[in-house]
């Protein structure tokens, strides 16, 4: 038994009505979004297939700078190992 006044049950009913309304509204919106997405997917099925295996291209300058950084790190590691011995 939960002690409460007479207005507590009415307050709970109002809150539950608001929550239930929000839930049903959200479910309806979700249903409409799924239907819209399904229609868009059906419309795009006839289009040319997109390349899924497309490899990202790295510019030569970026690759060269990465190689230079790796070489610098290797030099530091080698120098540290020589000092440790």
PDB file of N, CA and C in Angstrom:
ATOM      1  N   UNK A   1       0.848  -1.166   0.000  1.00  0.00           N
ATOM      2  CA  UNK A   1       0.000   0.000   0.000  1.00  0.00           C
ATOM      3  C   UNK A   1       0.898   1.235   0.000  1.00  0.00           C
ATOM      4  N   UNK A   2       0.616   2.139  -0.922  1.00  0.00           N
ATOM      5  CA  UNK A   2       1.366   3.384  -1.017  1.00  0.00           C
ATOM      6  C   UNK A   2       0.464   4.510  -0.537  1.00  0.00           C
ATOM      7  N   UNK A   3       0.882   5.197   0.519  1.00  0.00           N
ATOM      8  CA  UNK A   3       0.040   6.301   0.993  1.00  0.00           C
ATOM      9  C   UNK A   3       0.069   7.459  -0.001  1.00  0.00           C
ATOM     10  N   UNK A   4      -1.079   8.034  -0.270  1.00  0.00           N
ATOM     11  CA  UNK A   4      -1.163   9.169  -1.196  1.00  0.00           C
ATOM     12  C   UNK A   4      -2.480   9.888  -0.969  1.00  0.00           C
ATOM     13  N   UNK A   5      -2.574  11.068  -1.520  1.00  0.00           N
ATOM     14  CA  UNK A   5      -3.838  11.782  -1.409  1.00  0.00           C
ATOM     15  C   UNK A   5      -4.706  11.457  -2.627  1.00  0.00           C
ATOM     16  N   UNK A   6      -5.889  12.016  -2.684  1.00  0.00           N
ATOM     17  CA  UNK A   6      -6.835  11.702  -3.753  1.00  0.00           C
ATOM     18  C   UNK A   6      -6.354  12.177  -5.122  1.00  0.00           C
ATOM     19  N   UNK A   7      -5.557  13.234  -5.157  1.00  0.00           N
ATOM     20  CA  UNK A   7      -5.088  13.778  -6.428  1.00  0.00           C
ATOM     21  C   UNK A   7      -3.942  12.964  -7.032  1.00  0.00           C
ATOM     22  N   UNK A   8      -3.303  12.117  -6.236  1.00  0.00           N
ATOM     23  CA  UNK A   8      -2.151  11.360  -6.723  1.00  0.00           C
ATOM     24  C   UNK A   8      -2.537  10.440  -7.876  1.00  0.00           C
ATOM     25  N   UNK A   9      -3.665   9.767  -7.763  1.00  0.00           N
ATOM     26  CA  UNK A   9      -4.068   8.856  -8.836  1.00  0.00           C
ATOM     27  C   UNK A   9      -4.389   9.619 -10.107  1.00  0.00           C
ATOM     28  N   UNK A  10      -4.985  10.792  -9.949  1.00  0.00           N
ATOM     29  CA  UNK A  10      -5.295  11.613 -11.125  1.00  0.00           C
ATOM     30  C   UNK A  10      -4.010  12.136 -11.764  1.00  0.00           C
ATOM     31  N   UNK A  11      -3.045  12.516 -10.931  1.00  0.00           N
ATOM     32  CA  UNK A  11      -1.765  13.004 -11.452  1.00  0.00           C
ATOM     33  C   UNK A  11      -1.040  11.900 -12.211  1.00  0.00           C
ATOM     34  N   UNK A  12      -1.058  10.712 -11.640  1.00  0.00           N
ATOM     35  CA  UNK A  12      -0.416   9.573 -12.302  1.00  0.00           C
ATOM     36  C   UNK A  12      -1.106   9.277 -13.621  1.00  0.00           C
ATOM     37  N   UNK A  13      -2.415   9.357 -13.651  1.00  0.00           N
ATOM     38  CA  UNK A  13      -3.162   9.107 -14.886  1.00  0.00           C
ATOM     39  C   UNK A  13      -2.800  10.131 -15.957  1.00  0.00           C
ATOM     40  N   UNK A  14      -2.665  11.393 -15.566  1.00  0.00           N
ATOM     41  CA  UNK A  14      -2.299  12.443 -16.522  1.00  0.00           C
ATOM     42  C   UNK A  14      -0.898  12.183 -17.080  1.00  0.00           C
ATOM     43  N   UNK A  15       0.031  11.835 -16.192  1.00  0.00           N
ATOM     44  CA  UNK A  15       1.408  11.576 -16.628  1.00  0.00           C
ATOM     45  C   UNK A  15       1.456  10.360 -17.546  1.00  0.00           C
ATOM     46  N   UNK A  16       0.757   9.297 -17.159  1.00  0.00           N
ATOM     47  CA  UNK A  16       0.751   8.093 -17.993  1.00  0.00           C
ATOM     48  C   UNK A  16       0.112   8.350 -19.353  1.00  0.00           C
ATOM     49  N   UNK A  17      -0.941   9.147 -19.393  1.00  0.00           N
ATOM     50  CA  UNK A  17      -1.557   9.497 -20.676  1.00  0.00           C
ATOM     51  C   UNK A  17      -0.563  10.237 -21.567  1.00  0.00           C
ATOM     52  N   UNK A  18       0.191  11.163 -20.970  1.00  0.00           N
ATOM     53  CA  UNK A  18       1.181  11.920 -21.743  1.00  0.00           C
ATOM     54  C   UNK A  18       2.290  11.004 -22.253  1.00  0.00           C
ATOM     55  N   UNK A  19       2.769  10.103 -21.394  1.00  0.00           N
ATOM     56  CA  UNK A  19       3.841   9.182 -21.790  1.00  0.00           C
ATOM     57  C   UNK A  19       3.345   8.227 -22.872  1.00  0.00           C
ATOM     58  N   UNK A  20       2.165   7.672 -22.688  1.00  0.00           N
ATOM     59  CA  UNK A  20       1.612   6.749 -23.687  1.00  0.00           C
ATOM     60  C   UNK A  20       1.381   7.451 -25.021  1.00  0.00           C
ATOM     61  N   UNK A  21       0.924   8.686 -24.974  1.00  0.00           N
ATOM     62  CA  UNK A  21       0.734   9.458 -26.200  1.00  0.00           C
ATOM     63  C   UNK A  21       2.050   9.698 -26.918  1.00  0.00           C
ATOM     64  N   UNK A  22       3.096  10.024 -26.158  1.00  0.00           N
ATOM     65  CA  UNK A  22       4.412  10.258 -26.759  1.00  0.00           C
ATOM     66  C   UNK A  22       4.968   8.975 -27.365  1.00  0.00           C
ATOM     67  N   UNK A  23       4.770   7.861 -26.684  1.00  0.00           N
ATOM     68  CA  UNK A  23       5.250   6.579 -27.201  1.00  0.00           C
ATOM     69  C   UNK A  23       4.535   6.222 -28.494  1.00  0.00           C
ATOM     70  N   UNK A  24       3.226   6.353 -28.511  1.00  0.00           N
ATOM     71  CA  UNK A  24       2.478   5.998 -29.724  1.00  0.00           C
ATOM     72  C   UNK A  24       2.837   6.932 -30.875  1.00  0.00           C
ATOM     73  N   UNK A  25       3.062   8.208 -30.582  1.00  0.00           N
ATOM     74  CA  UNK A  25       3.468   9.158 -31.620  1.00  0.00           C
ATOM     75  C   UNK A  25       4.845   8.782 -32.173  1.00  0.00           C
ATOM     76  N   UNK A  26       5.766   8.421 -31.286  1.00  0.00           N
ATOM     77  CA  UNK A  26       7.101   8.014 -31.718  1.00  0.00           C
ATOM     78  C   UNK A  26       7.072   6.754 -32.560  1.00  0.00           C
ATOM     79  N   UNK A  27       6.246   5.789 -32.162  1.00  0.00           N
ATOM     80  CA  UNK A  27       6.124   4.554 -32.938  1.00  0.00           C
ATOM     81  C   UNK A  27       5.553   4.828 -34.324  1.00  0.00           C
ATOM     82  N   UNK A  28       4.585   5.718 -34.401  1.00  0.00           N
ATOM     83  CA  UNK A  28       3.985   6.067 -35.692  1.00  0.00           C
ATOM     84  C   UNK A  28       5.016   6.746 -36.591  1.00  0.00           C
ATOM     85  N   UNK A  29       5.799   7.671 -36.026  1.00  0.00           N
ATOM     86  CA  UNK A  29       6.839   8.345 -36.810  1.00  0.00           C
ATOM     87  C   UNK A  29       7.879   7.344 -37.299  1.00  0.00           C
ATOM     88  N   UNK A  30       8.252   6.421 -36.429  1.00  0.00           N
ATOM     89  CA  UNK A  30       9.240   5.397 -36.802  1.00  0.00           C
ATOM     90  C   UNK A  30       8.711   4.531 -37.937  1.00  0.00           C
ATOM     91  N   UNK A  31       7.443   4.168 -37.853  1.00  0.00           N
ATOM     92  CA  UNK A  31       6.830   3.348 -38.895  1.00  0.00           C
ATOM     93  C   UNK A  31       6.843   4.088 -40.229  1.00  0.00           C
ATOM     94  N   UNK A  32       6.505   5.377 -40.212  1.00  0.00           N
ATOM     95  CA  UNK A  32       6.498   6.173 -41.438  1.00  0.00           C
ATOM     96  C   UNK A  32       7.906   6.315 -42.012  1.00  0.00           C
ATOM     97  N   UNK A  33       8.909   6.500 -41.140  1.00  0.00           N
ATOM     98  CA  UNK A  33      10.290   6.618 -41.606  1.00  0.00           C
ATOM     99  C   UNK A  33      10.758   5.322 -42.256  1.00  0.00           C
ATOM    100  N   UNK A  34      10.397   4.179 -41.665  1.00  0.00           N
ATOM    101  CA  UNK A  34      10.788   2.895 -42.246  1.00  0.00           C
ATOM    102  C   UNK A  34      10.137   2.687 -43.605  1.00  0.00           C
ATOM    103  N   UNK A  35       8.874   3.064 -43.724  1.00  0.00           N
ATOM    104  CA  UNK A  35       8.186   2.933 -45.007  1.00  0.00           C
ATOM    105  C   UNK A  35       8.828   3.833 -46.052  1.00  0.00           C
ATOM    106  N   UNK A  36       9.166   5.046 -45.665  1.00  0.00           N
ATOM    107  CA  UNK A  36       9.809   5.986 -46.587  1.00  0.00           C
ATOM    108  C   UNK A  36      11.176   5.456 -47.012  1.00  0.00           C
ATOM    109  N   UNK A  37      11.930   4.917 -46.064  1.00  0.00           N
ATOM    110  CA  UNK A  37      13.247   4.360 -46.370  1.00  0.00           C
ATOM    111  C   UNK A  37      13.126   3.165 -47.308  1.00  0.00           C
ATOM    112  N   UNK A  38      12.125   2.331 -47.093  1.00  0.00           N
ATOM    113  CA  UNK A  38      11.913   1.172 -47.958  1.00  0.00           C
ATOM    114  C   UNK A  38      11.571   1.618 -49.373  1.00  0.00           C
ATOM    115  N   UNK A  39      10.763   2.656 -49.504  1.00  0.00           N
ATOM    116  CA  UNK A  39      10.417   3.176 -50.830  1.00  0.00           C
ATOM    117  C   UNK A  39      11.645   3.753 -51.520  1.00  0.00           C
ATOM    118  N   UNK A  40      12.503   4.452 -50.778  1.00  0.00           N
ATOM    119  CA  UNK A  40      13.719   5.013 -51.359  1.00  0.00           C
ATOM    120  C   UNK A  40      14.661   3.904 -51.806  1.00  0.00           C
ATOM    121  N   UNK A  41      14.766   2.839 -51.016  1.00  0.00           N
ATOM    122  CA  UNK A  41      15.631   1.718 -51.383  1.00  0.00           C
ATOM    123  C   UNK A  41      15.123   1.038 -52.646  1.00  0.00           C
ATOM    124  N   UNK A  42      13.806   0.899 -52.763  1.00  0.00           N
ATOM    125  CA  UNK A  42      13.234   0.295 -53.964  1.00  0.00           C
ATOM    126  C   UNK A  42      13.496   1.167 -55.179  1.00  0.00           C
ATOM    127  N   UNK A  43      13.446   2.467 -55.009  1.00  0.00           N
ATOM    128  CA  UNK A  43      13.682   3.392 -56.119  1.00  0.00           C
ATOM    129  C   UNK A  43      15.138   3.355 -56.559  1.00  0.00           C
ATOM    130  N   UNK A  44      16.052   3.125 -55.627  1.00  0.00           N
ATOM    131  CA  UNK A  44      17.476   3.127 -55.949  1.00  0.00           C
ATOM    132  C   UNK A  44      17.979   1.764 -56.417  1.00  0.00           C
ATOM    133  N   UNK A  45      17.176   0.729 -56.327  1.00  0.00           N
ATOM    134  CA  UNK A  45      17.616  -0.598 -56.755  1.00  0.00           C
ATOM    135  C   UNK A  45      17.883  -0.642 -58.249  1.00  0.00           C
ATOM    136  N   UNK A  46      17.178   0.133 -59.024  1.00  0.00           N
ATOM    137  CA  UNK A  46      17.356   0.146 -60.467  1.00  0.00           C
ATOM    138  C   UNK A  46      18.569   0.945 -60.905  1.00  0.00           C
ATOM    139  N   UNK A  47      19.112   1.756 -60.036  1.00  0.00           N
ATOM    140  CA  UNK A  47      20.282   2.559 -60.374  1.00  0.00           C
ATOM    141  C   UNK A  47      21.511   1.669 -60.531  1.00  0.00           C
ATOM    142  N   UNK A  48      22.550   2.246 -61.109  1.00  0.00           N
ATOM    143  CA  UNK A  48      23.804   1.516 -61.275  1.00  0.00           C
ATOM    144  C   UNK A  48      24.367   1.179 -59.898  1.00  0.00           C
ATOM    145  N   UNK A  49      24.914  -0.008 -59.755  1.00  0.00           N
ATOM    146  CA  UNK A  49      25.455  -0.388 -58.450  1.00  0.00           C
ATOM    147  C   UNK A  49      26.667   0.467 -58.083  1.00  0.00           C
ATOM    148  N   UNK A  50      26.727   0.839 -56.840  1.00  0.00           N
ATOM    149  CA  UNK A  50      27.840   1.652 -56.364  1.00  0.00           C
ATOM    150  C   UNK A  50      29.051   0.760 -56.123  1.00  0.00           C
ATOM    151  N   UNK A  51      30.217   1.324 -56.297  1.00  0.00           N
ATOM    152  CA  UNK A  51      31.441   0.568 -56.051  1.00  0.00           C
ATOM    153  C   UNK A  51      31.633   0.432 -54.550  1.00  0.00           C
ATOM    154  N   UNK A  52      31.588  -0.787 -54.082  1.00  0.00           N
ATOM    155  CA  UNK A  52      31.816  -1.028 -52.669  1.00  0.00           C
ATOM    156  C   UNK A  52      33.285  -1.315 -52.407  1.00  0.00           C
ATOM    157  N   UNK A  53      33.992  -1.747 -53.434  1.00  0.00           N
ATOM    158  CA  UNK A  53      35.385  -2.105 -53.275  1.00  0.00           C
ATOM    159  C   UNK A  53      36.315  -0.951 -53.616  1.00  0.00           C
ATOM    160  N   UNK A  54      35.778   0.229 -53.728  1.00  0.00           N
ATOM    161  CA  UNK A  54      36.601   1.382 -54.074  1.00  0.00           C
ATOM    162  C   UNK A  54      37.596   1.640 -52.952  1.00  0.00           C
ATOM    163  N   UNK A  55      38.862   1.723 -53.323  1.00  0.00           N
ATOM    164  CA  UNK A  55      39.912   1.947 -52.342  1.00  0.00           C
ATOM    165  C   UNK A  55      40.156   3.442 -52.214  1.00  0.00           C
ATOM    166  N   UNK A  56      40.359   3.889 -51.002  1.00  0.00           N
ATOM    167  CA  UNK A  56      40.675   5.308 -50.849  1.00  0.00           C
ATOM    168  C   UNK A  56      42.047   5.597 -51.444  1.00  0.00           C
ATOM    169  N   UNK A  57      42.148   6.696 -52.129  1.00  0.00           N
ATOM    170  CA  UNK A  57      43.415   7.055 -52.763  1.00  0.00           C
ATOM    171  C   UNK A  57      44.171   8.022 -51.858  1.00  0.00           C
ATOM    172  N   UNK A  58      45.432   7.701 -51.678  1.00  0.00           N
ATOM    173  CA  UNK A  58      46.287   8.555 -50.869  1.00  0.00           C
ATOM    174  C   UNK A  58      47.223   9.294 -51.810  1.00  0.00           C
ATOM    175  N   UNK A  59      47.279  10.579 -51.654  1.00  0.00           N
ATOM    176  CA  UNK A  59      48.146  11.366 -52.505  1.00  0.00           C
ATOM    177  C   UNK A  59      49.601  11.008 -52.218  1.00  0.00           C
ATOM    178  N   UNK A  60      50.416  11.134 -53.244  1.00  0.00           N
ATOM    179  CA  UNK A  60      51.820  10.769 -53.103  1.00  0.00           C
ATOM    180  C   UNK A  60      52.520  11.618 -52.054  1.00  0.00           C
ATOM    181  N   UNK A  61      52.176  12.885 -51.970  1.00  0.00           N
ATOM    182  CA  UNK A  61      52.824  13.765 -50.996  1.00  0.00           C
ATOM    183  C   UNK A  61      52.523  13.323 -49.569  1.00  0.00           C
ATOM    184  N   UNK A  62      51.288  12.931 -49.315  1.00  0.00           N
ATOM    185  CA  UNK A  62      50.912  12.482 -47.978  1.00  0.00           C
ATOM    186  C   UNK A  62      51.627  11.184 -47.657  1.00  0.00           C
ATOM    187  N   UNK A  63      51.673  10.287 -48.617  1.00  0.00           N
ATOM    188  CA  UNK A  63      52.345   9.013 -48.406  1.00  0.00           C
ATOM    189  C   UNK A  63      53.830   9.228 -48.164  1.00  0.00           C
ATOM    190  N   UNK A  64      54.436  10.155 -48.902  1.00  0.00           N
ATOM    191  CA  UNK A  64      55.855  10.440 -48.723  1.00  0.00           C
ATOM    192  C   UNK A  64      56.122  11.011 -47.334  1.00  0.00           C
ATOM    193  N   UNK A  65      55.240  11.873 -46.850  1.00  0.00           N
ATOM    194  CA  UNK A  65      55.444  12.447 -45.517  1.00  0.00           C
ATOM    195  C   UNK A  65      55.278  11.383 -44.434  1.00  0.00           C
ATOM    196  N   UNK A  66      54.368  10.455 -44.638  1.00  0.00           N
ATOM    197  CA  UNK A  66      54.194   9.355 -43.686  1.00  0.00           C
ATOM    198  C   UNK A  66      55.439   8.486 -43.675  1.00  0.00           C
ATOM    199  N   UNK A  67      55.983   8.201 -44.862  1.00  0.00           N
ATOM    200  CA  UNK A  67      57.204   7.405 -44.948  1.00  0.00           C
ATOM    201  C   UNK A  67      58.360   8.117 -44.251  1.00  0.00           C
ATOM    202  N   UNK A  68      58.445   9.437 -44.421  1.00  0.00           N
ATOM    203  CA  UNK A  68      59.509  10.210 -43.781  1.00  0.00           C
ATOM    204  C   UNK A  68      59.362  10.169 -42.263  1.00  0.00           C
ATOM    205  N   UNK A  69      58.140  10.260 -41.770  1.00  0.00           N
ATOM    206  CA  UNK A  69      57.909  10.195 -40.326  1.00  0.00           C
ATOM    207  C   UNK A  69      58.285   8.822 -39.779  1.00  0.00           C
ATOM    208  N   UNK A  70      57.944   7.776 -40.509  1.00  0.00           N
ATOM    209  CA  UNK A  70      58.290   6.424 -40.074  1.00  0.00           C
ATOM    210  C   UNK A  70      59.800   6.244 -40.044  1.00  0.00           C
ATOM    211  N   UNK A  71      60.498   6.809 -41.022  1.00  0.00           N
ATOM    212  CA  UNK A  71      61.953   6.720 -41.051  1.00  0.00           C
ATOM    213  C   UNK A  71      62.549   7.458 -39.858  1.00  0.00           C
ATOM    214  N   UNK A  72      61.995   8.616 -39.522  1.00  0.00           N
ATOM    215  CA  UNK A  72      62.485   9.381 -38.375  1.00  0.00           C
ATOM    216  C   UNK A  72      62.266   8.610 -37.079  1.00  0.00           C
ATOM    217  N   UNK A  73      61.135   7.973 -36.952  1.00  0.00           N
ATOM    218  CA  UNK A  73      60.850   7.169 -35.761  1.00  0.00           C
ATOM    219  C   UNK A  73      61.824   6.007 -35.678  1.00  0.00           C
ATOM    220  N   UNK A  74      62.103   5.374 -36.801  1.00  0.00           N
ATOM    221  CA  UNK A  74      63.041   4.255 -36.818  1.00  0.00           C
ATOM    222  C   UNK A  74      64.432   4.714 -36.396  1.00  0.00           C
ATOM    223  N   UNK A  75      64.847   5.913 -36.827  1.00  0.00           N
ATOM    224  CA  UNK A  75      66.153   6.447 -36.436  1.00  0.00           C
ATOM    225  C   UNK A  75      66.209   6.693 -34.934  1.00  0.00           C
ATOM    226  N   UNK A  76      65.147   7.242 -34.377  1.00  0.00           N
ATOM    227  CA  UNK A  76      65.105   7.510 -32.936  1.00  0.00           C
ATOM    228  C   UNK A  76      65.159   6.206 -32.158  1.00  0.00           C
ATOM    229  N   UNK A  77      64.437   5.204 -32.606  1.00  0.00           N
ATOM    230  CA  UNK A  77      64.439   3.903 -31.938  1.00  0.00           C
ATOM    231  C   UNK A  77      65.832   3.299 -31.992  1.00  0.00           C
ATOM    232  N   UNK A  78      66.477   3.373 -33.153  1.00  0.00           N
ATOM    233  CA  UNK A  78      67.820   2.814 -33.298  1.00  0.00           C
ATOM    234  C   UNK A  78      68.806   3.548 -32.394  1.00  0.00           C
ATOM    235  N   UNK A  79      68.702   4.869 -32.326  1.00  0.00           N
ATOM    236  CA  UNK A  79      69.600   5.645 -31.477  1.00  0.00           C
ATOM    237  C   UNK A  79      69.372   5.315 -30.009  1.00  0.00           C
ATOM    238  N   UNK A  80      68.129   5.126 -29.620  1.00  0.00           N
ATOM    239  CA  UNK A  80      67.806   4.785 -28.235  1.00  0.00           C
ATOM    240  C   UNK A  80      68.353   3.411 -27.880  1.00  0.00           C
ATOM    241  N   UNK A  81      68.253   2.478 -28.802  1.00  0.00           N
ATOM    242  CA  UNK A  81      68.769   1.130 -28.555  1.00  0.00           C
ATOM    243  C   UNK A  81      70.286   1.147 -28.420  1.00  0.00           C
ATOM    244  N   UNK A  82      70.960   1.969 -29.225  1.00  0.00           N
ATOM    245  CA  UNK A  82      72.420   2.050 -29.146  1.00  0.00           C
ATOM    246  C   UNK A  82      72.846   2.646 -27.808  1.00  0.00           C
ATOM    247  N   UNK A  83      72.123   3.649 -27.318  1.00  0.00           N
ATOM    248  CA  UNK A  83      72.456   4.263 -26.036  1.00  0.00           C
ATOM    249  C   UNK A  83      72.193   3.297 -24.888  1.00  0.00           C
ATOM    250  N   UNK A  84      71.183   2.452 -25.040  1.00  0.00           N
ATOM    251  CA  UNK A  84      70.830   1.509 -23.985  1.00  0.00           C
ATOM    252  C   UNK A  84      71.887   0.423 -23.844  1.00  0.00           C
ATOM    253  N   UNK A  85      72.582   0.103 -24.925  1.00  0.00           N
ATOM    254  CA  UNK A  85      73.609  -0.948 -24.878  1.00  0.00           C
ATOM    255  C   UNK A  85      74.831  -0.376 -24.312  1.00  0.00           C
TER     256      UNK A  85
END
